[in-house]
Amino acid sequence: MTPPTIRPAQVDEYDEVARVWMESWVSTGFGTASDLLLSQLRARIPAEVANGWSLYVADNGGRLVAMLALHVPHRHLDQLFVAPEYQGRSLGRTLLAFTRQHLPDEIEPLLTLP
């Protein structure tokens, strides 16, 4: 299987980015999916981009399966969410490696456990 491509998000993808964000966050057990939550996340995306987010997606053959928001001017990783059906496939590690390319002095490499 070809790994998803990490690329900048497009404005016309913000609805799908919000869906990935919500489904991933809800999968942690800290919330419940709802139209209200989806609407709030969708509204937040352009505001955060305007405030400095560099927004990326993991694209698996035209399907968005993860979102990553970096705030390069402030030198931090702001959001990283992987769609539940793609969790456990090392996509999070791939996104962290991508983050280290953009913020090399801010993110320490992951330790490899035996």
C-alpha atoms as a PDB file:
ATOM      1  CA  MET A   1       0.000   0.000   0.000  1.00  0.00           C
ATOM      2  CA  THR A   2       1.309   3.453  -0.932  1.00  0.00           C
ATOM      3  CA  PRO A   3       1.626   5.760   2.081  1.00  0.00           C
ATOM      4  CA  PRO A   4      -0.545   8.885   2.112  1.00  0.00           C
ATOM      5  CA  THR A   5       0.933  12.050   0.635  1.00  0.00           C
ATOM      6  CA  ILE A   6       1.464  14.966   3.006  1.00  0.00           C
ATOM      7  CA  ARG A   7       0.670  18.251   1.307  1.00  0.00           C
ATOM      8  CA  PRO A   8      -0.711  21.713   2.070  1.00  0.00           C
ATOM      9  CA  ALA A   9      -4.470  21.783   2.607  1.00  0.00           C
ATOM     10  CA  GLN A  10      -6.610  23.586   0.058  1.00  0.00           C
ATOM     11  CA  VAL A  11      -9.363  26.010   1.083  1.00  0.00           C
ATOM     12  CA  ASP A  12     -11.998  23.836  -0.592  1.00  0.00           C
ATOM     13  CA  GLU A  13     -10.931  20.948   1.676  1.00  0.00           C
ATOM     14  CA  TYR A  14     -11.626  22.682   4.991  1.00  0.00           C
ATOM     15  CA  ASP A  15     -14.930  20.824   5.482  1.00  0.00           C
ATOM     16  CA  GLU A  16     -13.129  17.492   5.126  1.00  0.00           C
ATOM     17  CA  VAL A  17     -10.262  18.665   7.366  1.00  0.00           C
ATOM     18  CA  ALA A  18     -12.831  19.548  10.038  1.00  0.00           C
ATOM     19  CA  ARG A  19     -14.393  16.076   9.696  1.00  0.00           C
ATOM     20  CA  VAL A  20     -11.026  14.347  10.178  1.00  0.00           C
ATOM     21  CA  TRP A  21     -10.281  16.614  13.144  1.00  0.00           C
ATOM     22  CA  MET A  22     -13.623  15.883  14.801  1.00  0.00           C
ATOM     23  CA  GLU A  23     -13.590  12.121  14.203  1.00  0.00           C
ATOM     24  CA  SER A  24     -10.051  11.801  15.504  1.00  0.00           C
ATOM     25  CA  TRP A  25     -10.717  13.944  18.573  1.00  0.00           C
ATOM     26  CA  VAL A  26     -13.923  12.039  19.355  1.00  0.00           C
ATOM     27  CA  SER A  27     -12.002   8.741  19.040  1.00  0.00           C
ATOM     28  CA  THR A  28      -9.985   9.761  22.118  1.00  0.00           C
ATOM     29  CA  GLY A  29     -13.143   9.556  24.230  1.00  0.00           C
ATOM     30  CA  PHE A  30     -13.104  13.247  25.176  1.00  0.00           C
ATOM     31  CA  GLY A  31     -16.100  14.327  23.164  1.00  0.00           C
ATOM     32  CA  THR A  32     -19.120  13.415  21.125  1.00  0.00           C
ATOM     33  CA  ALA A  33     -19.482  13.988  17.399  1.00  0.00           C
ATOM     34  CA  SER A  34     -22.147  16.516  16.522  1.00  0.00           C
ATOM     35  CA  ASP A  35     -23.097  18.946  13.789  1.00  0.00           C
ATOM     36  CA  LEU A  36     -22.354  21.760  16.247  1.00  0.00           C
ATOM     37  CA  LEU A  37     -18.816  20.526  16.937  1.00  0.00           C
ATOM     38  CA  LEU A  38     -18.182  20.015  13.227  1.00  0.00           C
ATOM     39  CA  SER A  39     -19.420  23.543  12.525  1.00  0.00           C
ATOM     40  CA  GLN A  40     -17.208  25.012  15.270  1.00  0.00           C
ATOM     41  CA  LEU A  41     -14.105  23.233  13.958  1.00  0.00           C
ATOM     42  CA  ARG A  42     -14.933  24.246  10.378  1.00  0.00           C
ATOM     43  CA  ALA A  43     -15.222  27.887  11.440  1.00  0.00           C
ATOM     44  CA  ARG A  44     -11.967  27.717  13.389  1.00  0.00           C
ATOM     45  CA  ILE A  45      -9.820  26.526  10.470  1.00  0.00           C
ATOM     46  CA  PRO A  46      -9.751  29.716   8.328  1.00  0.00           C
ATOM     47  CA  ALA A  47      -9.328  31.841  11.453  1.00  0.00           C
ATOM     48  CA  GLU A  48      -6.322  29.787  12.571  1.00  0.00           C
ATOM     49  CA  VAL A  49      -4.820  29.851   9.056  1.00  0.00           C
ATOM     50  CA  ALA A  50      -5.187  33.642   9.081  1.00  0.00           C
ATOM     51  CA  ASN A  51      -3.395  33.676  12.457  1.00  0.00           C
ATOM     52  CA  GLY A  52      -0.384  31.762  11.173  1.00  0.00           C
ATOM     53  CA  TRP A  53      -1.221  28.085  10.850  1.00  0.00           C
ATOM     54  CA  SER A  54       0.494  26.166   8.087  1.00  0.00           C
ATOM     55  CA  LEU A  55      -2.175  23.526   7.482  1.00  0.00           C
ATOM     56  CA  TYR A  56      -1.287  20.173   5.949  1.00  0.00           C
ATOM     57  CA  VAL A  57      -3.254  17.051   5.159  1.00  0.00           C
ATOM     58  CA  ALA A  58      -2.379  13.429   4.571  1.00  0.00           C
ATOM     59  CA  ASP A  59      -4.052  12.484   1.299  1.00  0.00           C
ATOM     60  CA  ASN A  60      -4.648   8.801   0.581  1.00  0.00           C
ATOM     61  CA  GLY A  61      -5.683   8.664  -3.048  1.00  0.00           C
ATOM     62  CA  GLY A  62      -8.011  11.650  -2.787  1.00  0.00           C
ATOM     63  CA  ARG A  63      -9.271  10.887   0.728  1.00  0.00           C
ATOM     64  CA  LEU A  64      -8.026  13.075   3.582  1.00  0.00           C
ATOM     65  CA  VAL A  65      -6.925  10.837   6.443  1.00  0.00           C
ATOM     66  CA  ALA A  66      -5.032  13.230   8.732  1.00  0.00           C
ATOM     67  CA  MET A  67      -4.517  16.913   9.428  1.00  0.00           C
ATOM     68  CA  LEU A  68      -1.480  18.713  10.770  1.00  0.00           C
ATOM     69  CA  ALA A  69      -1.304  22.356  11.823  1.00  0.00           C
ATOM     70  CA  LEU A  70       2.081  23.947  12.405  1.00  0.00           C
ATOM     71  CA  HIS A  71       2.622  27.476  13.620  1.00  0.00           C
ATOM     72  CA  VAL A  72       6.046  28.060  12.130  1.00  0.00           C
ATOM     73  CA  PRO A  73       6.386  31.726  13.285  1.00  0.00           C
ATOM     74  CA  HIS A  74       5.812  30.594  16.888  1.00  0.00           C
ATOM     75  CA  ARG A  75       7.812  27.402  16.229  1.00  0.00           C
ATOM     76  CA  HIS A  76       5.308  24.845  17.464  1.00  0.00           C
ATOM     77  CA  LEU A  77       3.106  21.982  16.421  1.00  0.00           C
ATOM     78  CA  ASP A  78      -0.465  23.071  17.082  1.00  0.00           C
ATOM     79  CA  GLN A  79      -2.670  20.163  15.953  1.00  0.00           C
ATOM     80  CA  LEU A  80      -2.112  16.626  14.714  1.00  0.00           C
ATOM     81  CA  PHE A  81      -5.125  14.379  14.134  1.00  0.00           C
ATOM     82  CA  VAL A  82      -5.372  11.053  12.296  1.00  0.00           C
ATOM     83  CA  ALA A  83      -8.697   9.604  11.158  1.00  0.00           C
ATOM     84  CA  PRO A  84      -9.616   6.652  13.413  1.00  0.00           C
ATOM     85  CA  GLU A  85      -9.427   4.074  10.620  1.00  0.00           C
ATOM     86  CA  TYR A  86      -5.816   5.152   9.922  1.00  0.00           C
ATOM     87  CA  GLN A  87      -4.639   5.178  13.523  1.00  0.00           C
ATOM     88  CA  GLY A  88      -2.090   2.506  14.408  1.00  0.00           C
ATOM     89  CA  ARG A  89      -0.462   2.604  10.963  1.00  0.00           C
ATOM     90  CA  SER A  90       2.474   4.891  11.897  1.00  0.00           C
ATOM     91  CA  LEU A  91       0.913   7.869  10.139  1.00  0.00           C
ATOM     92  CA  GLY A  92       1.345   9.934  13.306  1.00  0.00           C
ATOM     93  CA  ARG A  93       5.066   9.132  13.291  1.00  0.00           C
ATOM     94  CA  THR A  94       5.248  10.144   9.640  1.00  0.00           C
ATOM     95  CA  LEU A  95       3.562  13.449  10.442  1.00  0.00           C
ATOM     96  CA  LEU A  96       5.967  14.052  13.329  1.00  0.00           C
ATOM     97  CA  ALA A  97       8.911  13.387  11.009  1.00  0.00           C
ATOM     98  CA  PHE A  98       7.397  15.899   8.565  1.00  0.00           C
ATOM     99  CA  THR A  99       7.079  18.379  11.441  1.00  0.00           C
ATOM    100  CA  ARG A 100      10.751  17.926  12.333  1.00  0.00           C
ATOM    101  CA  GLN A 101      11.642  18.933   8.750  1.00  0.00           C
ATOM    102  CA  HIS A 102       9.822  22.240   9.241  1.00  0.00           C
ATOM    103  CA  LEU A 103      10.750  22.785  12.900  1.00  0.00           C
ATOM    104  CA  PRO A 104      14.093  20.968  13.184  1.00  0.00           C
ATOM    105  CA  ASP A 105      15.201  22.648  16.404  1.00  0.00           C
ATOM    106  CA  GLU A 106      11.840  22.363  18.154  1.00  0.00           C
ATOM    107  CA  ILE A 107      10.897  18.668  17.939  1.00  0.00           C
ATOM    108  CA  GLU A 108      13.140  15.969  19.378  1.00  0.00           C
ATOM    109  CA  PRO A 109      13.329  12.637  17.531  1.00  0.00           C
ATOM    110  CA  LEU A 110      11.186   9.874  18.946  1.00  0.00           C
ATOM    111  CA  LEU A 111      12.948   7.317  21.086  1.00  0.00           C
ATOM    112  CA  THR A 112      12.821   3.809  19.731  1.00  0.00           C
ATOM    113  CA  LEU A 113      11.851   1.346  22.401  1.00  0.00           C
ATOM    114  CA  PRO A 114      13.124  -2.212  22.330  1.00  0.00           C
END
